[in-house]
Protein backbone atom coordinates (compact mmCIF):
# COMPACT_ATOMS: atom_id res chain seq x y z
CA MET A 1 -10.99 -8.95 10.89
CA SER A 2 -7.68 -10.75 11.21
CA ARG A 3 -4.87 -8.98 13.04
CA LEU A 4 -2.78 -9.06 9.86
CA PHE A 5 -5.22 -6.73 8.14
CA GLU A 6 -5.86 -4.35 10.99
CA PRO A 7 -4.50 -0.82 10.44
CA LEU A 8 -1.39 0.16 12.37
CA HIS A 9 -1.32 3.72 13.76
CA LEU A 10 2.12 5.29 14.07
CA ARG A 11 2.00 8.95 15.07
CA THR A 12 -0.36 10.57 12.52
CA LEU A 13 0.35 7.91 9.88
CA VAL A 14 -1.91 4.90 9.41
CA LEU A 15 -0.61 1.77 7.68
CA PRO A 16 -3.61 0.09 6.01
CA ASN A 17 -2.44 -3.35 7.20
CA ARG A 18 0.46 -4.96 9.03
CA ILE A 19 2.30 -6.40 6.03
CA ALA A 20 5.51 -4.59 5.13
CA VAL A 21 8.04 -5.14 2.38
CA SER A 22 11.43 -5.68 3.98
CA PRO A 23 14.28 -3.69 2.38
CA MET A 24 15.90 -5.87 -0.28
CA CYS A 25 18.94 -4.74 -2.29
CA GLN A 26 18.43 -5.01 -6.04
CA TYR A 27 21.95 -4.10 -7.23
CA SER A 28 20.39 -2.36 -10.23
CA ALA A 29 21.14 1.35 -9.77
CA ARG A 30 23.73 3.48 -11.50
CA ASP A 31 25.28 6.42 -9.65
CA GLY A 32 22.72 5.78 -6.90
CA LEU A 33 19.79 6.62 -9.18
CA ALA A 34 16.53 4.66 -9.09
CA ASN A 35 15.27 3.47 -12.47
CA ASP A 36 12.43 1.54 -14.13
CA TRP A 37 13.44 -1.69 -12.39
CA HIS A 38 12.94 -0.12 -8.97
CA LEU A 39 9.60 1.36 -10.00
CA VAL A 40 8.24 -1.98 -11.21
CA HIS A 41 9.82 -3.98 -8.39
CA LEU A 42 8.56 -1.77 -5.55
CA GLY A 43 5.36 -0.70 -7.26
CA GLY A 44 4.38 -4.33 -7.75
CA PHE A 45 4.31 -4.89 -4.01
CA ALA A 46 1.96 -1.94 -3.58
CA VAL A 47 -0.30 -3.34 -6.30
CA GLY A 48 -0.18 -6.66 -4.45
CA GLY A 49 -1.60 -5.14 -1.26
CA ALA A 50 1.36 -4.57 1.08
CA GLY A 51 0.66 -1.82 3.61
CA LEU A 52 4.23 -0.51 3.78
CA VAL A 53 6.72 -0.74 0.92
CA MET A 54 10.34 -0.11 1.95
CA THR A 55 13.14 0.64 -0.48
CA GLU A 56 16.42 -1.21 -0.34
CA ALA A 57 19.29 0.07 1.82
CA THR A 58 19.85 3.55 0.38
CA ALA A 59 23.33 4.94 0.92
CA VAL A 60 23.77 8.31 2.60
CA GLN A 61 27.30 8.68 1.19
CA PRO A 62 28.84 7.27 -2.01
CA GLN A 63 31.43 5.32 -0.01
CA GLY A 64 28.59 3.87 2.08
CA ARG A 65 27.20 1.75 -0.75
CA ILE A 66 27.43 -2.01 -0.41
CA SER A 67 28.08 -2.11 -4.14
CA ALA A 68 28.35 0.42 -6.95
CA GLU A 69 24.85 -0.66 -8.00
CA ASP A 70 23.11 0.44 -4.77
CA LEU A 71 20.55 3.22 -4.44
CA GLY A 72 21.73 6.48 -2.90
CA LEU A 73 20.41 9.74 -1.46
CA TRP A 74 23.59 11.73 -1.03
CA SER A 75 22.64 14.10 -3.87
CA ASP A 76 19.59 16.14 -4.81
CA HIS A 77 19.79 14.58 -8.26
CA GLN A 78 18.63 11.31 -6.71
CA ILE A 79 15.36 12.75 -5.39
CA GLU A 80 13.16 12.84 -8.48
CA PRO A 81 13.59 9.20 -9.57
CA LEU A 82 12.59 8.13 -6.05
CA ARG A 83 9.67 10.57 -5.98
CA ARG A 84 8.29 8.80 -9.06
CA ILE A 85 8.29 5.53 -7.10
CA SER A 86 6.79 6.91 -3.89
CA ARG A 87 4.04 8.60 -5.89
CA PHE A 88 3.01 5.29 -7.46
CA ILE A 89 3.17 3.39 -4.14
CA ASN A 90 1.01 5.97 -2.40
CA ALA A 91 -1.49 5.97 -5.26
CA GLN A 92 -2.10 2.26 -4.59
CA GLY A 93 -3.12 3.00 -1.01
CA ALA A 94 0.19 1.81 0.45
CA VAL A 95 2.79 3.81 2.38
CA ALA A 96 6.25 4.43 0.92
CA GLY A 97 9.17 3.97 3.28
CA ILE A 98 12.93 4.24 2.83
CA GLN A 99 15.85 2.63 4.62
CA LEU A 100 18.88 4.91 5.06
CA ALA A 101 22.19 3.11 5.35
CA HIS A 102 25.97 3.15 5.36
CA ALA A 103 27.78 -0.14 4.75
CA GLY A 104 31.04 0.78 6.51
CA ARG A 105 33.60 -2.00 6.20
CA LYS A 106 31.18 -4.12 4.13
CA ALA A 107 31.06 -1.49 1.37
CA ASN A 108 32.68 -1.64 -2.08
CA THR A 109 31.83 -5.23 -2.91
CA ARG A 110 30.84 -6.79 -6.20
CA LYS A 111 27.15 -7.51 -6.56
CA PRO A 112 25.93 -11.06 -5.86
CA GLY A 113 26.48 -13.46 -8.72
CA SER A 114 29.67 -11.82 -9.89
CA ALA A 115 32.31 -14.20 -11.18
CA GLN A 116 34.89 -12.76 -8.79
CA PRO A 117 33.33 -11.90 -5.39
CA GLY A 118 34.78 -9.60 -2.79
CA THR A 119 36.20 -6.07 -2.80
CA VAL A 120 36.41 -4.10 -6.04
CA PRO A 121 40.00 -2.88 -6.66
CA LEU A 122 40.61 0.86 -6.90
CA SER A 123 41.84 0.29 -10.45
CA GLU A 124 38.35 -0.99 -11.37
CA GLY A 125 36.40 1.86 -9.82
CA GLY A 126 36.39 0.68 -6.20
CA TRP A 127 36.89 2.93 -3.18
CA ASN A 128 38.40 2.87 0.28
CA THR A 129 36.13 1.82 3.11
CA VAL A 130 35.69 3.08 6.67
CA ALA A 131 34.68 1.47 9.95
CA PRO A 132 34.88 2.02 13.71
CA SER A 133 38.18 0.12 13.78
CA GLU A 134 40.70 -1.15 11.24
CA ILE A 135 39.23 -4.66 11.22
CA PRO A 136 38.10 -6.16 7.89
CA PHE A 137 34.89 -8.16 7.73
CA ASP A 138 36.67 -11.13 6.17
CA PRO A 139 39.74 -11.81 3.99
CA GLN A 140 37.79 -10.89 0.84
CA HIS A 141 37.17 -7.33 2.07
CA ARG A 142 39.73 -4.51 2.04
CA ASP A 143 41.05 -3.32 5.40
CA PRO A 144 38.95 -0.30 6.40
CA ALA A 145 40.22 2.96 7.83
CA ALA A 146 39.02 3.87 11.31
CA LEU A 147 36.71 6.89 11.25
CA ALA A 148 38.14 10.01 12.83
CA GLY A 149 36.01 12.35 14.93
CA GLU A 150 35.28 14.80 12.12
CA GLN A 151 34.40 11.93 9.78
CA ILE A 152 31.92 10.61 12.34
CA ARG A 153 30.21 14.00 12.42
CA GLU A 154 30.09 13.99 8.61
CA VAL A 155 28.36 10.60 8.58
CA VAL A 156 25.82 11.79 11.17
CA GLN A 157 25.02 14.82 9.04
CA ALA A 158 24.86 12.69 5.91
CA PHE A 159 22.07 10.62 7.48
CA ALA A 160 20.15 13.80 8.35
CA ALA A 161 20.63 15.27 4.88
CA ALA A 162 19.48 12.03 3.26
CA ALA A 163 16.39 12.03 5.48
CA GLU A 164 15.53 15.54 4.30
CA ARG A 165 15.86 14.39 0.68
CA ALA A 166 13.71 11.33 1.44
CA LEU A 167 10.97 13.60 2.72
CA THR A 168 11.17 15.72 -0.42
CA ALA A 169 10.98 12.48 -2.43
CA GLY A 170 7.62 11.66 -0.84
CA PHE A 171 8.51 9.00 1.71
CA GLN A 172 6.46 8.83 4.91
CA VAL A 173 8.51 6.30 6.90
CA ALA A 174 12.26 6.51 7.41
CA GLU A 175 14.31 3.63 8.78
CA ILE A 176 17.91 3.83 10.01
CA HIS A 177 19.81 0.66 9.12
CA ALA A 178 21.72 -0.47 12.21
CA ALA A 179 21.75 -4.20 11.45
CA HIS A 180 23.43 -6.88 9.35
CA GLY A 181 26.99 -5.84 10.05
CA TYR A 182 26.79 -2.43 8.40
CA LEU A 183 28.31 0.74 9.85
CA MET A 184 25.87 1.47 12.69
CA HIS A 185 25.95 -2.19 13.73
CA GLN A 186 29.74 -2.16 13.46
CA PHE A 187 29.82 0.53 16.14
CA LEU A 188 27.41 -1.45 18.34
CA SER A 189 29.28 -4.76 18.29
CA PRO A 190 32.50 -5.32 20.26
CA LEU A 191 33.51 -7.74 17.49
CA SER A 192 33.99 -4.85 15.08
CA ASN A 193 34.43 -1.89 17.45
CA GLN A 194 37.68 -1.82 19.39
CA ARG A 195 37.98 1.95 19.71
CA LEU A 196 39.40 3.55 22.84
CA ASP A 197 37.61 6.89 22.53
CA LEU A 198 34.03 8.01 23.28
CA TYR A 199 32.70 5.74 20.53
CA GLY A 200 34.14 2.45 21.76
CA GLY A 201 34.57 0.21 24.77
CA SER A 202 31.55 0.46 27.06
CA PHE A 203 27.96 -0.16 26.00
CA GLU A 204 27.22 3.56 26.37
CA ASN A 205 30.10 4.44 24.06
CA ARG A 206 29.32 1.78 21.43
CA ILE A 207 25.71 2.97 21.06
CA ARG A 208 26.72 6.65 20.95
CA MET A 209 26.97 6.98 17.17
CA LEU A 210 23.59 5.37 16.51
CA LEU A 211 22.00 7.65 19.12
CA GLU A 212 23.58 10.68 17.44
CA VAL A 213 22.39 9.56 14.00
CA THR A 214 18.90 8.93 15.36
CA ALA A 215 18.70 12.35 17.00
CA ALA A 216 19.94 14.04 13.83
CA VAL A 217 17.43 12.24 11.61
CA ARG A 218 14.56 12.85 14.03
CA SER A 219 15.41 16.56 14.10
CA VAL A 220 14.66 16.87 10.37
CA TRP A 221 11.95 14.21 10.11
CA PRO A 222 8.41 15.60 10.65
CA GLU A 223 6.88 15.14 14.08
CA GLY A 224 3.84 13.43 12.59
CA LEU A 225 5.78 10.78 10.65
CA PRO A 226 7.30 7.62 12.15
CA LEU A 227 10.96 6.69 12.40
CA PHE A 228 12.11 3.06 12.48
CA VAL A 229 15.49 1.55 13.39
CA ARG A 230 16.48 -1.88 12.10
CA VAL A 231 18.75 -3.80 14.47
CA SER A 232 20.43 -7.16 14.62
CA ALA A 233 19.29 -8.52 17.98
CA THR A 234 22.35 -10.76 18.24
CA ASP A 235 25.60 -11.43 16.42
CA TRP A 236 25.10 -15.17 17.11
CA VAL A 237 28.70 -15.18 18.38
CA GLU A 238 29.95 -15.46 21.95
CA GLY A 239 31.22 -12.08 23.12
CA GLY A 240 29.34 -10.21 20.40
CA TRP A 241 26.31 -7.94 20.45
CA ASN A 242 23.41 -9.68 22.24
CA VAL A 243 19.67 -9.45 22.78
CA ASP A 244 19.91 -7.94 26.27
CA GLU A 245 21.94 -5.06 24.81
CA THR A 246 19.38 -4.77 22.02
CA VAL A 247 16.54 -4.37 24.50
CA GLU A 248 18.45 -1.70 26.41
CA LEU A 249 19.31 0.07 23.16
CA ALA A 250 15.62 0.09 22.23
CA ARG A 251 14.84 1.70 25.60
CA ARG A 252 17.33 4.46 24.78
CA LEU A 253 16.01 4.96 21.25
CA ARG A 254 12.37 5.40 22.20
CA PRO A 255 12.76 8.81 23.92
CA LEU A 256 14.73 10.01 20.90
CA GLY A 257 11.60 9.66 18.79
CA VAL A 258 11.90 6.13 17.39
CA ASP A 259 8.50 4.55 16.85
CA LEU A 260 9.32 0.95 15.92
CA ILE A 261 12.28 -1.40 16.17
CA ASP A 262 12.68 -3.63 13.11
CA VAL A 263 14.28 -6.74 14.58
CA SER A 264 16.61 -8.93 12.56
CA SER A 265 19.90 -10.63 13.52
CA GLY A 266 23.44 -11.48 12.43
CA GLY A 267 25.71 -9.96 9.82
CA THR A 268 28.79 -8.88 11.76
CA ALA A 269 30.63 -12.20 11.90
CA PRO A 270 31.03 -14.31 8.74
CA HIS A 271 31.52 -17.46 10.83
CA ALA A 272 28.34 -17.07 12.93
CA LYS A 273 26.21 -20.20 13.24
CA ILE A 274 22.60 -19.09 12.79
CA PRO A 275 19.85 -21.64 13.58
CA LEU A 276 17.64 -20.92 10.57
CA GLY A 277 14.02 -22.02 10.73
CA PRO A 278 10.49 -20.65 10.35
CA GLY A 279 10.16 -17.44 12.34
CA TYR A 280 13.59 -17.93 13.93
CA GLN A 281 13.88 -14.23 14.85
CA THR A 282 10.36 -13.55 16.13
CA GLY A 283 11.34 -14.28 19.73
CA PHE A 284 13.79 -11.38 19.59
CA ALA A 285 11.05 -9.06 18.31
CA GLN A 286 8.90 -10.12 21.27
CA GLN A 287 11.71 -9.47 23.76
CA VAL A 288 12.25 -5.98 22.38
CA ARG A 289 8.52 -5.23 22.30
CA GLN A 290 7.96 -6.35 25.87
CA GLY A 291 11.30 -5.38 27.39
CA ALA A 292 11.52 -1.89 25.92
CA GLY A 293 7.81 -1.08 25.62
CA ILE A 294 8.12 -0.12 21.97
CA PRO A 295 6.41 -1.56 18.86
CA SER A 296 8.47 -4.07 16.92
CA SER A 297 8.43 -5.82 13.57
CA ALA A 298 9.32 -9.44 12.90
CA VAL A 299 11.27 -10.64 9.87
CA GLY A 300 12.92 -13.86 8.74
CA LEU A 301 11.43 -17.01 7.14
CA ILE A 302 7.85 -15.89 7.66
CA THR A 303 6.01 -17.45 4.75
CA GLN A 304 2.48 -18.51 5.71
CA PRO A 305 -0.53 -16.26 6.44
CA ALA A 306 -1.45 -18.30 9.53
CA GLN A 307 2.12 -17.98 10.79
CA ALA A 308 2.08 -14.18 10.38
CA GLU A 309 -1.33 -13.98 12.04
CA HIS A 310 -0.07 -16.05 14.99
CA ILE A 311 2.95 -13.77 15.49
CA LEU A 312 0.66 -10.75 15.78
CA ARG A 313 -2.04 -12.40 17.91
CA THR A 314 0.48 -13.72 20.42
CA GLY A 315 2.06 -10.30 20.89
CA GLN A 316 5.43 -11.13 19.38
CA ALA A 317 5.38 -8.14 17.04
CA ASP A 318 3.20 -5.35 15.68
CA LEU A 319 4.26 -5.55 12.04
CA ILE A 320 5.32 -8.38 9.73
CA MET A 321 8.25 -7.74 7.39
CA LEU A 322 8.39 -10.05 4.38
CA GLY A 323 11.34 -10.37 2.03
CA ARG A 324 12.03 -13.42 -0.10
CA GLU A 325 8.46 -14.66 0.19
CA LEU A 326 7.30 -11.48 -1.53
CA LEU A 327 9.86 -11.99 -4.27
CA ARG A 328 8.29 -15.38 -4.87
CA ASP A 329 4.75 -14.03 -4.60
CA PRO A 330 4.33 -10.24 -4.89
CA ARG A 331 0.56 -10.72 -4.42
CA TRP A 332 1.05 -12.47 -1.07
CA PRO A 333 -1.16 -9.96 0.83
CA LEU A 334 -4.09 -10.59 -1.52
CA HIS A 335 -3.65 -14.34 -1.20
CA ALA A 336 -3.23 -14.08 2.58
CA ALA A 337 -6.51 -12.18 2.87
CA ALA A 338 -8.29 -14.97 1.04
CA ALA A 339 -6.59 -17.65 3.16
CA LEU A 340 -7.59 -15.91 6.39
CA GLY A 341 -11.11 -15.21 5.18
CA ASP A 342 -10.52 -11.48 5.30
CA GLY A 343 -11.75 -9.16 2.55
CA GLY A 344 -9.95 -6.12 3.91
CA VAL A 345 -7.42 -5.73 1.10
CA PRO A 346 -8.85 -3.86 -1.87
CA TRP A 347 -7.94 -5.23 -5.28
CA PRO A 348 -6.84 -2.86 -8.05
CA GLU A 349 -9.76 -2.01 -10.27
CA GLN A 350 -7.72 -3.25 -13.21
CA TYR A 351 -7.56 -6.76 -11.68
CA LEU A 352 -11.19 -7.12 -10.59
CA ARG A 353 -11.97 -9.77 -13.20
CA ALA A 354 -9.69 -12.12 -11.23
CA ALA A 355 -10.81 -11.09 -7.74
CA PRO A 356 -13.03 -13.16 -5.42
CA PRO A 357 -16.70 -12.12 -5.12
CA ALA A 358 -17.51 -9.02 -3.04
CA THR A 359 -13.90 -7.84 -3.14
CA PRO A 360 -13.31 -4.17 -2.17
CA VAL A 361 -12.02 -2.08 -5.05
CA ARG A 362 -8.97 0.16 -5.13
CA ALA A 363 -9.24 3.29 -7.24
CA PRO A 364 -7.35 3.08 -10.54
CA TYR A 365 -3.93 4.71 -10.80
CA THR A 366 -3.94 8.05 -12.58
């Protein structure tokens, strides 16, 4: 069997293979509620054979949405539409996961493709944003307000409350979003965090909020289920957050009950020069895995089955996160199994007429 189709054991949970759907915002929700688009979008990846299907960044507070069209879990009313999705994913033999997030100073933007990008004015339904410090992301974003101590505690509790709702909604993996320039990453990076209190300045102070959020989420997340944290390994800017700090952060997260570090990069500085190329972030995943002694996932321009297999076999990561490649080909896992000569991915019974000979069968959805 190829490494790509070996099960991955995380606490008492077993992922059927090492292909995961990376969280990808769809900008299709209303009032944070999942709808038919999310069911078909995420359910299609489970039908296509992915082992772990992650939702998009799901806001823990209304003001934490990137856009007004983002998913949310700040209300009990948002549980049932998500439960419908997790139920379908699980019925396909995949595992349903959810990414919990707060956009901080990058919140309240128009969705991609809008004629007029940038911050939504208050007069058009926009809202005020918050951050570690009163530093906007770029000129198109409104100046954020610096979070006060009580507001920080409210955000921490909002993450925990959203995790409890995620569990009720049927998710078995929770991921804290601390990457891509959103609120947790804003606290980590000295580019966006210039506080002078216990949450700013030194490395220990800048990681404090993420550690508090992690401890709060872990306290309500079942002992037998895994917790992930997505990080940006580097800001790609001199004087910003860097990979050595990421490795040390991962060392601190592991004893708090984190089971895997989902390693990405960038997002805090709009002017960062990122050397894009196939697998350009996998080296960071390897550094975290080896330096912190914790499982990692690799993401970013991974497109070919042989490439994904190589990343796993060479010990660079334990899990492969795919994003845009799965948008292009939601059946990528089934095609990858054929390319690697591996029959380990069962095809849906409904699709057997198109399956290769001697293909394992997945029970029909009921």
